[in-house]
């Protein structure tokens, strides 16, 4: 989409278009996927909770900073968050599908080995 940046004076100089905001999109995709991975690693509940809260605050902080700097409208940041979330959901589905196919292949191999013996 071709949308100009807010008219207010920016704290930084930016020449590109505004919608959607790439920084929140990237933050949501990267840190969101890290949050997903945290639930598949063995670690203490306290550490996992701390890291999840920390990553969520980083994501929100990046989005709010884009609005504070005056380089994006709130709707640009929300669209960036949604785009990043869709990417995380796609990656999670893809990783789970790959895992399912690997398990199925391993189970088929084990069944063939059991039938041969």
PDB file of N, CA and C in Angstrom:
ATOM      1  N   UNK A   1       0.844  -1.180   0.000  1.00  0.00           N
ATOM      2  CA  UNK A   1       0.000   0.000   0.000  1.00  0.00           C
ATOM      3  C   UNK A   1       0.884   1.236   0.000  1.00  0.00           C
ATOM      4  N   UNK A   2       0.417   2.245  -0.652  1.00  0.00           N
ATOM      5  CA  UNK A   2       1.156   3.501  -0.727  1.00  0.00           C
ATOM      6  C   UNK A   2       0.519   4.522   0.204  1.00  0.00           C
ATOM      7  N   UNK A   3       1.016   4.575   1.427  1.00  0.00           N
ATOM      8  CA  UNK A   3       0.504   5.559   2.369  1.00  0.00           C
ATOM      9  C   UNK A   3       1.677   6.355   2.907  1.00  0.00           C
ATOM     10  N   UNK A   4       1.519   7.672   2.883  1.00  0.00           N
ATOM     11  CA  UNK A   4       2.571   8.535   3.393  1.00  0.00           C
ATOM     12  C   UNK A   4       2.657   8.435   4.907  1.00  0.00           C
ATOM     13  N   UNK A   5       3.779   8.843   5.412  1.00  0.00           N
ATOM     14  CA  UNK A   5       4.004   8.841   6.858  1.00  0.00           C
ATOM     15  C   UNK A   5       3.239  10.007   7.503  1.00  0.00           C
ATOM     16  N   UNK A   6       3.097   9.963   8.835  1.00  0.00           N
ATOM     17  CA  UNK A   6       2.401  11.076   9.523  1.00  0.00           C
ATOM     18  C   UNK A   6       3.058  12.423   9.204  1.00  0.00           C
ATOM     19  N   UNK A   7       2.225  13.478   9.215  1.00  0.00           N
ATOM     20  CA  UNK A   7       2.705  14.821   8.886  1.00  0.00           C
ATOM     21  C   UNK A   7       3.514  15.458  10.008  1.00  0.00           C
ATOM     22  N   UNK A   8       3.345  14.978  11.217  1.00  0.00           N
ATOM     23  CA  UNK A   8       4.069  15.562  12.349  1.00  0.00           C
ATOM     24  C   UNK A   8       5.574  15.448  12.111  1.00  0.00           C
ATOM     25  N   UNK A   9       6.306  16.341  12.744  1.00  0.00           N
ATOM     26  CA  UNK A   9       7.760  16.303  12.583  1.00  0.00           C
ATOM     27  C   UNK A   9       8.314  15.020  13.199  1.00  0.00           C
ATOM     28  N   UNK A  10       9.120  14.309  12.416  1.00  0.00           N
ATOM     29  CA  UNK A  10       9.676  13.032  12.856  1.00  0.00           C
ATOM     30  C   UNK A  10      10.943  13.274  13.667  1.00  0.00           C
ATOM     31  N   UNK A  11      11.178  12.400  14.621  1.00  0.00           N
ATOM     32  CA  UNK A  11      12.425  12.457  15.380  1.00  0.00           C
ATOM     33  C   UNK A  11      13.571  11.834  14.596  1.00  0.00           C
ATOM     34  N   UNK A  12      13.229  11.100  13.539  1.00  0.00           N
ATOM     35  CA  UNK A  12      14.230  10.502  12.652  1.00  0.00           C
ATOM     36  C   UNK A  12      13.818  10.804  11.216  1.00  0.00           C
ATOM     37  N   UNK A  13      14.750  10.750  10.303  1.00  0.00           N
ATOM     38  CA  UNK A  13      14.455  10.999   8.892  1.00  0.00           C
ATOM     39  C   UNK A  13      14.191   9.668   8.204  1.00  0.00           C
ATOM     40  N   UNK A  14      13.002   9.561   7.612  1.00  0.00           N
ATOM     41  CA  UNK A  14      12.613   8.342   6.912  1.00  0.00           C
ATOM     42  C   UNK A  14      12.001   8.744   5.584  1.00  0.00           C
ATOM     43  N   UNK A  15      12.438   8.114   4.509  1.00  0.00           N
ATOM     44  CA  UNK A  15      11.979   8.477   3.174  1.00  0.00           C
ATOM     45  C   UNK A  15      10.974   7.488   2.587  1.00  0.00           C
ATOM     46  N   UNK A  16      10.883   6.278   3.138  1.00  0.00           N
ATOM     47  CA  UNK A  16      10.015   5.250   2.547  1.00  0.00           C
ATOM     48  C   UNK A  16       8.565   5.446   2.977  1.00  0.00           C
ATOM     49  N   UNK A  17       7.692   4.606   2.438  1.00  0.00           N
ATOM     50  CA  UNK A  17       6.267   4.681   2.764  1.00  0.00           C
ATOM     51  C   UNK A  17       5.995   4.090   4.143  1.00  0.00           C
ATOM     52  N   UNK A  18       4.787   4.314   4.623  1.00  0.00           N
ATOM     53  CA  UNK A  18       4.470   4.029   6.018  1.00  0.00           C
ATOM     54  C   UNK A  18       3.817   2.676   6.282  1.00  0.00           C
ATOM     55  N   UNK A  19       2.981   2.188   5.378  1.00  0.00           N
ATOM     56  CA  UNK A  19       2.125   1.041   5.683  1.00  0.00           C
ATOM     57  C   UNK A  19       2.613  -0.220   4.992  1.00  0.00           C
ATOM     58  N   UNK A  20       2.704  -1.338   5.667  1.00  0.00           N
ATOM     59  CA  UNK A  20       2.698  -1.550   7.113  1.00  0.00           C
ATOM     60  C   UNK A  20       4.092  -1.296   7.684  1.00  0.00           C
ATOM     61  N   UNK A  21       4.192  -1.257   8.965  1.00  0.00           N
ATOM     62  CA  UNK A  21       5.475  -0.989   9.603  1.00  0.00           C
ATOM     63  C   UNK A  21       6.317  -2.261   9.624  1.00  0.00           C
ATOM     64  N   UNK A  22       7.485  -2.185   9.030  1.00  0.00           N
ATOM     65  CA  UNK A  22       8.357  -3.358   8.928  1.00  0.00           C
ATOM     66  C   UNK A  22       9.027  -3.742  10.230  1.00  0.00           C
ATOM     67  N   UNK A  23       9.355  -2.750  11.066  1.00  0.00           N
ATOM     68  CA  UNK A  23      10.025  -3.071  12.333  1.00  0.00           C
ATOM     69  C   UNK A  23       9.142  -3.926  13.257  1.00  0.00           C
ATOM     70  N   UNK A  24       7.885  -3.515  13.505  1.00  0.00           N
ATOM     71  CA  UNK A  24       7.027  -4.385  14.325  1.00  0.00           C
ATOM     72  C   UNK A  24       6.753  -5.741  13.673  1.00  0.00           C
ATOM     73  N   UNK A  25       6.671  -5.771  12.337  1.00  0.00           N
ATOM     74  CA  UNK A  25       6.438  -7.041  11.652  1.00  0.00           C
ATOM     75  C   UNK A  25       7.618  -7.987  11.884  1.00  0.00           C
ATOM     76  N   UNK A  26       8.821  -7.473  11.735  1.00  0.00           N
ATOM     77  CA  UNK A  26      10.018  -8.290  11.940  1.00  0.00           C
ATOM     78  C   UNK A  26      10.151  -8.715  13.392  1.00  0.00           C
ATOM     79  N   UNK A  27       9.848  -7.787  14.308  1.00  0.00           N
ATOM     80  CA  UNK A  27       9.937  -8.105  15.737  1.00  0.00           C
ATOM     81  C   UNK A  27       8.947  -9.206  16.100  1.00  0.00           C
ATOM     82  N   UNK A  28       7.725  -9.090  15.598  1.00  0.00           N
ATOM     83  CA  UNK A  28       6.716 -10.110  15.897  1.00  0.00           C
ATOM     84  C   UNK A  28       7.126 -11.452  15.308  1.00  0.00           C
ATOM     85  N   UNK A  29       7.636 -11.450  14.093  1.00  0.00           N
ATOM     86  CA  UNK A  29       8.033 -12.710  13.451  1.00  0.00           C
ATOM     87  C   UNK A  29       9.192 -13.357  14.205  1.00  0.00           C
ATOM     88  N   UNK A  30      10.221 -12.586  14.523  1.00  0.00           N
ATOM     89  CA  UNK A  30      11.407 -13.148  15.158  1.00  0.00           C
ATOM     90  C   UNK A  30      11.154 -13.534  16.617  1.00  0.00           C
ATOM     91  N   UNK A  31      10.731 -12.561  17.415  1.00  0.00           N
ATOM     92  CA  UNK A  31      10.530 -12.838  18.841  1.00  0.00           C
ATOM     93  C   UNK A  31       9.308 -13.728  19.076  1.00  0.00           C
ATOM     94  N   UNK A  32       8.303 -13.613  18.219  1.00  0.00           N
ATOM     95  CA  UNK A  32       7.144 -14.497  18.331  1.00  0.00           C
ATOM     96  C   UNK A  32       7.525 -15.952  18.116  1.00  0.00           C
ATOM     97  N   UNK A  33       8.407 -16.190  17.142  1.00  0.00           N
ATOM     98  CA  UNK A  33       8.841 -17.566  16.914  1.00  0.00           C
ATOM     99  C   UNK A  33       9.743 -18.043  18.059  1.00  0.00           C
ATOM    100  N   UNK A  34      10.535 -17.140  18.617  1.00  0.00           N
ATOM    101  CA  UNK A  34      11.323 -17.517  19.794  1.00  0.00           C
ATOM    102  C   UNK A  34      10.423 -17.920  20.955  1.00  0.00           C
ATOM    103  N   UNK A  35       9.329 -17.206  21.122  1.00  0.00           N
ATOM    104  CA  UNK A  35       8.367 -17.568  22.175  1.00  0.00           C
ATOM    105  C   UNK A  35       7.828 -18.972  21.923  1.00  0.00           C
ATOM    106  N   UNK A  36       7.490 -19.262  20.683  1.00  0.00           N
ATOM    107  CA  UNK A  36       7.019 -20.610  20.347  1.00  0.00           C
ATOM    108  C   UNK A  36       8.084 -21.654  20.698  1.00  0.00           C
ATOM    109  N   UNK A  37       9.328 -21.387  20.339  1.00  0.00           N
ATOM    110  CA  UNK A  37      10.409 -22.340  20.617  1.00  0.00           C
ATOM    111  C   UNK A  37      10.626 -22.543  22.112  1.00  0.00           C
ATOM    112  N   UNK A  38      10.404 -21.502  22.908  1.00  0.00           N
ATOM    113  CA  UNK A  38      10.582 -21.632  24.356  1.00  0.00           C
ATOM    114  C   UNK A  38       9.698 -22.731  24.943  1.00  0.00           C
ATOM    115  N   UNK A  39       8.536 -22.939  24.342  1.00  0.00           N
ATOM    116  CA  UNK A  39       7.616 -23.956  24.857  1.00  0.00           C
ATOM    117  C   UNK A  39       8.004 -25.367  24.419  1.00  0.00           C
ATOM    118  N   UNK A  40       9.031 -25.476  23.593  1.00  0.00           N
ATOM    119  CA  UNK A  40       9.505 -26.793  23.169  1.00  0.00           C
ATOM    120  C   UNK A  40      10.880 -27.123  23.742  1.00  0.00           C
ATOM    121  N   UNK A  41      11.389 -26.248  24.579  1.00  0.00           N
ATOM    122  CA  UNK A  41      12.670 -26.488  25.240  1.00  0.00           C
ATOM    123  C   UNK A  41      12.423 -26.823  26.697  1.00  0.00           C
ATOM    124  N   UNK A  42      13.274 -27.675  27.224  1.00  0.00           N
ATOM    125  CA  UNK A  42      13.152 -28.011  28.639  1.00  0.00           C
ATOM    126  C   UNK A  42      13.883 -26.943  29.440  1.00  0.00           C
ATOM    127  N   UNK A  43      13.113 -26.228  30.254  1.00  0.00           N
ATOM    128  CA  UNK A  43      13.686 -25.200  31.117  1.00  0.00           C
ATOM    129  C   UNK A  43      12.726 -24.957  32.278  1.00  0.00           C
ATOM    130  N   UNK A  44      13.212 -24.238  33.257  1.00  0.00           N
ATOM    131  CA  UNK A  44      12.364 -23.991  34.422  1.00  0.00           C
ATOM    132  C   UNK A  44      11.185 -23.104  34.017  1.00  0.00           C
ATOM    133  N   UNK A  45      10.109 -23.286  34.721  1.00  0.00           N
ATOM    134  CA  UNK A  45       8.897 -22.530  34.451  1.00  0.00           C
ATOM    135  C   UNK A  45       9.129 -21.032  34.653  1.00  0.00           C
ATOM    136  N   UNK A  46       9.903 -20.700  35.676  1.00  0.00           N
ATOM    137  CA  UNK A  46      10.197 -19.293  35.968  1.00  0.00           C
ATOM    138  C   UNK A  46      10.970 -18.652  34.818  1.00  0.00           C
ATOM    139  N   UNK A  47      12.010 -19.323  34.337  1.00  0.00           N
ATOM    140  CA  UNK A  47      12.818 -18.777  33.249  1.00  0.00           C
ATOM    141  C   UNK A  47      11.987 -18.624  31.984  1.00  0.00           C
ATOM    142  N   UNK A  48      11.171 -19.624  31.679  1.00  0.00           N
ATOM    143  CA  UNK A  48      10.315 -19.549  30.494  1.00  0.00           C
ATOM    144  C   UNK A  48       9.351 -18.363  30.609  1.00  0.00           C
ATOM    145  N   UNK A  49       8.721 -18.224  31.757  1.00  0.00           N
ATOM    146  CA  UNK A  49       7.781 -17.116  31.961  1.00  0.00           C
ATOM    147  C   UNK A  49       8.485 -15.771  31.826  1.00  0.00           C
ATOM    148  N   UNK A  50       9.667 -15.667  32.425  1.00  0.00           N
ATOM    149  CA  UNK A  50      10.430 -14.426  32.342  1.00  0.00           C
ATOM    150  C   UNK A  50      10.758 -14.090  30.892  1.00  0.00           C
ATOM    151  N   UNK A  51      11.242 -15.069  30.133  1.00  0.00           N
ATOM    152  CA  UNK A  51      11.618 -14.826  28.741  1.00  0.00           C
ATOM    153  C   UNK A  51      10.412 -14.484  27.872  1.00  0.00           C
ATOM    154  N   UNK A  52       9.294 -15.145  28.103  1.00  0.00           N
ATOM    155  CA  UNK A  52       8.089 -14.838  27.323  1.00  0.00           C
ATOM    156  C   UNK A  52       7.656 -13.395  27.590  1.00  0.00           C
ATOM    157  N   UNK A  53       7.610 -13.003  28.858  1.00  0.00           N
ATOM    158  CA  UNK A  53       7.229 -11.631  29.191  1.00  0.00           C
ATOM    159  C   UNK A  53       8.219 -10.642  28.593  1.00  0.00           C
ATOM    160  N   UNK A  54       9.508 -10.955  28.680  1.00  0.00           N
ATOM    161  CA  UNK A  54      10.537 -10.077  28.125  1.00  0.00           C
ATOM    162  C   UNK A  54      10.361  -9.909  26.620  1.00  0.00           C
ATOM    163  N   UNK A  55      10.166 -11.013  25.894  1.00  0.00           N
ATOM    164  CA  UNK A  55      10.014 -10.936  24.442  1.00  0.00           C
ATOM    165  C   UNK A  55       8.739 -10.191  24.044  1.00  0.00           C
ATOM    166  N   UNK A  56       7.660 -10.391  24.792  1.00  0.00           N
ATOM    167  CA  UNK A  56       6.416  -9.659  24.503  1.00  0.00           C
ATOM    168  C   UNK A  56       6.642  -8.161  24.703  1.00  0.00           C
ATOM    169  N   UNK A  57       7.353  -7.788  25.768  1.00  0.00           N
ATOM    170  CA  UNK A  57       7.641  -6.374  26.003  1.00  0.00           C
ATOM    171  C   UNK A  57       8.542  -5.787  24.924  1.00  0.00           C
ATOM    172  N   UNK A  58       9.479  -6.578  24.424  1.00  0.00           N
ATOM    173  CA  UNK A  58      10.337  -6.109  23.323  1.00  0.00           C
ATOM    174  C   UNK A  58       9.488  -5.852  22.080  1.00  0.00           C
ATOM    175  N   UNK A  59       8.600  -6.781  21.763  1.00  0.00           N
ATOM    176  CA  UNK A  59       7.733  -6.609  20.590  1.00  0.00           C
ATOM    177  C   UNK A  59       6.889  -5.342  20.728  1.00  0.00           C
ATOM    178  N   UNK A  60       6.236  -5.189  21.879  1.00  0.00           N
ATOM    179  CA  UNK A  60       5.396  -4.013  22.095  1.00  0.00           C
ATOM    180  C   UNK A  60       6.224  -2.733  22.110  1.00  0.00           C
ATOM    181  N   UNK A  61       7.410  -2.791  22.711  1.00  0.00           N
ATOM    182  CA  UNK A  61       8.277  -1.619  22.767  1.00  0.00           C
ATOM    183  C   UNK A  61       8.705  -1.153  21.387  1.00  0.00           C
ATOM    184  N   UNK A  62       9.015  -2.083  20.525  1.00  0.00           N
ATOM    185  CA  UNK A  62       9.402  -1.714  19.154  1.00  0.00           C
ATOM    186  C   UNK A  62       8.225  -1.053  18.436  1.00  0.00           C
ATOM    187  N   UNK A  63       7.035  -1.609  18.600  1.00  0.00           N
ATOM    188  CA  UNK A  63       5.859  -1.008  17.965  1.00  0.00           C
ATOM    189  C   UNK A  63       5.562   0.384  18.501  1.00  0.00           C
ATOM    190  N   UNK A  64       5.597   0.528  19.816  1.00  0.00           N
ATOM    191  CA  UNK A  64       5.326   1.841  20.415  1.00  0.00           C
ATOM    192  C   UNK A  64       6.394   2.860  20.052  1.00  0.00           C
ATOM    193  N   UNK A  65       7.630   2.409  19.907  1.00  0.00           N
ATOM    194  CA  UNK A  65       8.692   3.350  19.556  1.00  0.00           C
ATOM    195  C   UNK A  65       8.485   3.924  18.162  1.00  0.00           C
ATOM    196  N   UNK A  66       7.925   3.143  17.243  1.00  0.00           N
ATOM    197  CA  UNK A  66       7.673   3.631  15.883  1.00  0.00           C
ATOM    198  C   UNK A  66       6.606   4.733  15.899  1.00  0.00           C
ATOM    199  N   UNK A  67       5.619   4.569  16.780  1.00  0.00           N
ATOM    200  CA  UNK A  67       4.586   5.610  16.916  1.00  0.00           C
ATOM    201  C   UNK A  67       5.177   6.834  17.605  1.00  0.00           C
ATOM    202  N   UNK A  68       5.944   6.620  18.671  1.00  0.00           N
ATOM    203  CA  UNK A  68       6.556   7.717  19.425  1.00  0.00           C
ATOM    204  C   UNK A  68       7.487   8.540  18.544  1.00  0.00           C
ATOM    205  N   UNK A  69       8.254   7.885  17.691  1.00  0.00           N
ATOM    206  CA  UNK A  69       9.164   8.600  16.801  1.00  0.00           C
ATOM    207  C   UNK A  69       8.421   9.384  15.718  1.00  0.00           C
ATOM    208  N   UNK A  70       7.141   9.118  15.571  1.00  0.00           N
ATOM    209  CA  UNK A  70       6.332   9.846  14.601  1.00  0.00           C
ATOM    210  C   UNK A  70       6.478   9.359  13.177  1.00  0.00           C
ATOM    211  N   UNK A  71       6.987   8.153  13.001  1.00  0.00           N
ATOM    212  CA  UNK A  71       7.194   7.647  11.646  1.00  0.00           C
ATOM    213  C   UNK A  71       6.089   6.697  11.191  1.00  0.00           C
ATOM    214  N   UNK A  72       5.173   6.357  12.092  1.00  0.00           N
ATOM    215  CA  UNK A  72       4.066   5.464  11.735  1.00  0.00           C
ATOM    216  C   UNK A  72       2.805   5.854  12.484  1.00  0.00           C
ATOM    217  N   UNK A  73       1.685   5.597  11.832  1.00  0.00           N
ATOM    218  CA  UNK A  73       0.393   5.677  12.498  1.00  0.00           C
ATOM    219  C   UNK A  73       0.201   4.395  13.302  1.00  0.00           C
ATOM    220  N   UNK A  74      -0.650   4.433  14.331  1.00  0.00           N
ATOM    221  CA  UNK A  74      -0.917   3.188  15.072  1.00  0.00           C
ATOM    222  C   UNK A  74      -1.423   2.054  14.180  1.00  0.00           C
ATOM    223  N   UNK A  75      -2.210   2.374  13.171  1.00  0.00           N
ATOM    224  CA  UNK A  75      -2.722   1.324  12.274  1.00  0.00           C
ATOM    225  C   UNK A  75      -1.588   0.670  11.486  1.00  0.00           C
ATOM    226  N   UNK A  76      -0.526   1.421  11.176  1.00  0.00           N
ATOM    227  CA  UNK A  76       0.635   0.846  10.491  1.00  0.00           C
ATOM    228  C   UNK A  76       1.308  -0.200  11.370  1.00  0.00           C
ATOM    229  N   UNK A  77       1.429   0.133  12.647  1.00  0.00           N
ATOM    230  CA  UNK A  77       2.084  -0.771  13.594  1.00  0.00           C
ATOM    231  C   UNK A  77       1.233  -2.015  13.825  1.00  0.00           C
ATOM    232  N   UNK A  78      -0.081  -1.823  13.966  1.00  0.00           N
ATOM    233  CA  UNK A  78      -0.980  -2.968  14.155  1.00  0.00           C
ATOM    234  C   UNK A  78      -0.923  -3.884  12.939  1.00  0.00           C
ATOM    235  N   UNK A  79      -0.896  -3.299  11.744  1.00  0.00           N
ATOM    236  CA  UNK A  79      -0.791  -4.111  10.524  1.00  0.00           C
ATOM    237  C   UNK A  79       0.533  -4.864  10.503  1.00  0.00           C
ATOM    238  N   UNK A  80       1.602  -4.231  10.964  1.00  0.00           N
ATOM    239  CA  UNK A  80       2.889  -4.910  11.050  1.00  0.00           C
ATOM    240  C   UNK A  80       2.838  -6.085  12.015  1.00  0.00           C
ATOM    241  N   UNK A  81       2.210  -5.855  13.180  1.00  0.00           N
ATOM    242  CA  UNK A  81       2.064  -6.945  14.149  1.00  0.00           C
ATOM    243  C   UNK A  81       1.275  -8.104  13.551  1.00  0.00           C
ATOM    244  N   UNK A  82       0.183  -7.795  12.863  1.00  0.00           N
ATOM    245  CA  UNK A  82      -0.643  -8.851  12.261  1.00  0.00           C
ATOM    246  C   UNK A  82       0.125  -9.607  11.181  1.00  0.00           C
ATOM    247  N   UNK A  83       0.868  -8.876  10.364  1.00  0.00           N
ATOM    248  CA  UNK A  83       1.672  -9.537   9.332  1.00  0.00           C
ATOM    249  C   UNK A  83       2.717 -10.457   9.939  1.00  0.00           C
ATOM    250  N   UNK A  84       3.373  -9.996  10.995  1.00  0.00           N
ATOM    251  CA  UNK A  84       4.362 -10.827  11.679  1.00  0.00           C
ATOM    252  C   UNK A  84       3.724 -12.035  12.331  1.00  0.00           C
ATOM    253  N   UNK A  85       2.529 -11.849  12.913  1.00  0.00           N
ATOM    254  CA  UNK A  85       1.827 -12.959  13.550  1.00  0.00           C
ATOM    255  C   UNK A  85       1.422 -14.015  12.522  1.00  0.00           C
ATOM    256  N   UNK A  86       0.975 -13.562  11.365  1.00  0.00           N
ATOM    257  CA  UNK A  86       0.621 -14.510  10.298  1.00  0.00           C
ATOM    258  C   UNK A  86       1.853 -15.307   9.876  1.00  0.00           C
ATOM    259  N   UNK A  87       2.999 -14.647   9.798  1.00  0.00           N
ATOM    260  CA  UNK A  87       4.233 -15.339   9.430  1.00  0.00           C
ATOM    261  C   UNK A  87       4.601 -16.371  10.500  1.00  0.00           C
ATOM    262  N   UNK A  88       4.476 -16.016  11.785  1.00  0.00           N
ATOM    263  CA  UNK A  88       4.763 -16.963  12.866  1.00  0.00           C
ATOM    264  C   UNK A  88       3.821 -18.161  12.773  1.00  0.00           C
ATOM    265  N   UNK A  89       2.540 -17.904  12.549  1.00  0.00           N
ATOM    266  CA  UNK A  89       1.575 -18.998  12.440  1.00  0.00           C
ATOM    267  C   UNK A  89       1.924 -19.912  11.270  1.00  0.00           C
ATOM    268  N   UNK A  90       2.312 -19.344  10.150  1.00  0.00           N
ATOM    269  CA  UNK A  90       2.718 -20.133   8.986  1.00  0.00           C
ATOM    270  C   UNK A  90       3.927 -21.010   9.321  1.00  0.00           C
ATOM    271  N   UNK A  91       4.924 -20.421   9.972  1.00  0.00           N
ATOM    272  CA  UNK A  91       6.129 -21.181  10.335  1.00  0.00           C
ATOM    273  C   UNK A  91       5.812 -22.300  11.315  1.00  0.00           C
ATOM    274  N   UNK A  92       4.945 -22.036  12.280  1.00  0.00           N
ATOM    275  CA  UNK A  92       4.563 -23.068  13.253  1.00  0.00           C
ATOM    276  C   UNK A  92       3.855 -24.224  12.543  1.00  0.00           C
ATOM    277  N   UNK A  93       2.934 -23.897  11.656  1.00  0.00           N
ATOM    278  CA  UNK A  93       2.233 -24.946  10.907  1.00  0.00           C
ATOM    279  C   UNK A  93       3.228 -25.741  10.075  1.00  0.00           C
ATOM    280  N   UNK A  94       4.143 -25.065   9.413  1.00  0.00           N
ATOM    281  CA  UNK A  94       5.136 -25.731   8.586  1.00  0.00           C
ATOM    282  C   UNK A  94       6.039 -26.640   9.415  1.00  0.00           C
ATOM    283  N   UNK A  95       6.530 -26.155  10.548  1.00  0.00           N
ATOM    284  CA  UNK A  95       7.390 -26.965  11.413  1.00  0.00           C
ATOM    285  C   UNK A  95       6.644 -28.187  11.956  1.00  0.00           C
ATOM    286  N   UNK A  96       5.388 -27.999  12.361  1.00  0.00           N
ATOM    287  CA  UNK A  96       4.613 -29.132  12.865  1.00  0.00           C
ATOM    288  C   UNK A  96       4.323 -30.145  11.765  1.00  0.00           C
ATOM    289  N   UNK A  97       4.087 -29.669  10.556  1.00  0.00           N
ATOM    290  CA  UNK A  97       3.858 -30.578   9.429  1.00  0.00           C
ATOM    291  C   UNK A  97       5.115 -31.385   9.125  1.00  0.00           C
ATOM    292  N   UNK A  98       6.273 -30.740   9.119  1.00  0.00           N
ATOM    293  CA  UNK A  98       7.540 -31.442   8.894  1.00  0.00           C
ATOM    294  C   UNK A  98       7.768 -32.478   9.983  1.00  0.00           C
ATOM    295  N   UNK A  99       7.502 -32.108  11.232  1.00  0.00           N
ATOM    296  CA  UNK A  99       7.663 -33.051  12.343  1.00  0.00           C
ATOM    297  C   UNK A  99       6.723 -34.240  12.194  1.00  0.00           C
ATOM    298  N   UNK A 100       5.495 -33.993  11.808  1.00  0.00           N
ATOM    299  CA  UNK A 100       4.527 -35.072  11.604  1.00  0.00           C
ATOM    300  C   UNK A 100       4.991 -36.017  10.501  1.00  0.00           C
ATOM    301  N   UNK A 101       5.488 -35.477   9.391  1.00  0.00           N
ATOM    302  CA  UNK A 101       5.964 -36.312   8.296  1.00  0.00           C
ATOM    303  C   UNK A 101       7.190 -37.125   8.701  1.00  0.00           C
ATOM    304  N   UNK A 102       8.086 -36.539   9.487  1.00  0.00           N
ATOM    305  CA  UNK A 102       9.254 -37.283   9.974  1.00  0.00           C
ATOM    306  C   UNK A 102       8.842 -38.437  10.880  1.00  0.00           C
ATOM    307  N   UNK A 103       7.900 -38.175  11.769  1.00  0.00           N
ATOM    308  CA  UNK A 103       7.425 -39.244  12.668  1.00  0.00           C
ATOM    309  C   UNK A 103       6.774 -40.363  11.882  1.00  0.00           C
ATOM    310  N   UNK A 104       5.961 -39.997  10.899  1.00  0.00           N
ATOM    311  CA  UNK A 104       5.278 -41.006  10.082  1.00  0.00           C
ATOM    312  C   UNK A 104       6.295 -41.855   9.325  1.00  0.00           C
ATOM    313  N   UNK A 105       7.311 -41.202   8.772  1.00  0.00           N
ATOM    314  CA  UNK A 105       8.344 -41.932   8.035  1.00  0.00           C
ATOM    315  C   UNK A 105       9.107 -42.875   8.966  1.00  0.00           C
ATOM    316  N   UNK A 106       9.441 -42.396  10.171  1.00  0.00           N
ATOM    317  CA  UNK A 106      10.155 -43.227  11.145  1.00  0.00           C
ATOM    318  C   UNK A 106       9.295 -44.401  11.587  1.00  0.00           C
ATOM    319  N   UNK A 107       8.006 -44.166  11.825  1.00  0.00           N
ATOM    320  CA  UNK A 107       7.107 -45.248  12.225  1.00  0.00           C
ATOM    321  C   UNK A 107       6.958 -46.285  11.119  1.00  0.00           C
ATOM    322  N   UNK A 108       6.878 -45.829   9.879  1.00  0.00           N
ATOM    323  CA  UNK A 108       6.791 -46.773   8.756  1.00  0.00           C
ATOM    324  C   UNK A 108       8.048 -47.626   8.650  1.00  0.00           C
ATOM    325  N   UNK A 109       9.215 -46.997   8.841  1.00  0.00           N
ATOM    326  CA  UNK A 109      10.471 -47.738   8.805  1.00  0.00           C
ATOM    327  C   UNK A 109      10.521 -48.779   9.925  1.00  0.00           C
ATOM    328  N   UNK A 110      10.099 -48.388  11.119  1.00  0.00           N
ATOM    329  CA  UNK A 110      10.093 -49.326  12.244  1.00  0.00           C
ATOM    330  C   UNK A 110       9.129 -50.470  11.994  1.00  0.00           C
ATOM    331  N   UNK A 111       7.983 -50.198  11.414  1.00  0.00           N
ATOM    332  CA  UNK A 111       7.020 -51.262  11.121  1.00  0.00           C
ATOM    333  C   UNK A 111       7.590 -52.231  10.090  1.00  0.00           C
ATOM    334  N   UNK A 112       8.278 -51.732   9.076  1.00  0.00           N
ATOM    335  CA  UNK A 112       8.879 -52.587   8.066  1.00  0.00           C
ATOM    336  C   UNK A 112       9.976 -53.465   8.680  1.00  0.00           C
ATOM    337  N   UNK A 113      10.757 -52.883   9.570  1.00  0.00           N
ATOM    338  CA  UNK A 113      11.808 -53.654  10.244  1.00  0.00           C
ATOM    339  C   UNK A 113      11.216 -54.741  11.116  1.00  0.00           C
ATOM    340  N   UNK A 114      10.126 -54.459  11.798  1.00  0.00           N
ATOM    341  CA  UNK A 114       9.468 -55.458  12.653  1.00  0.00           C
ATOM    342  C   UNK A 114       8.861 -56.578  11.817  1.00  0.00           C
ATOM    343  N   UNK A 115       8.341 -56.247  10.647  1.00  0.00           N
ATOM    344  CA  UNK A 115       7.766 -57.280   9.783  1.00  0.00           C
ATOM    345  C   UNK A 115       8.835 -58.187   9.196  1.00  0.00           C
ATOM    346  N   UNK A 116      10.019 -57.641   8.955  1.00  0.00           N
ATOM    347  CA  UNK A 116      11.116 -58.442   8.392  1.00  0.00           C
ATOM    348  C   UNK A 116      11.729 -59.387   9.409  1.00  0.00           C
ATOM    349  N   UNK A 117      11.630 -59.081  10.683  1.00  0.00           N
ATOM    350  CA  UNK A 117      12.226 -59.962  11.702  1.00  0.00           C
ATOM    351  C   UNK A 117      11.256 -60.966  12.243  1.00  0.00           C
TER     352      UNK A 117
END
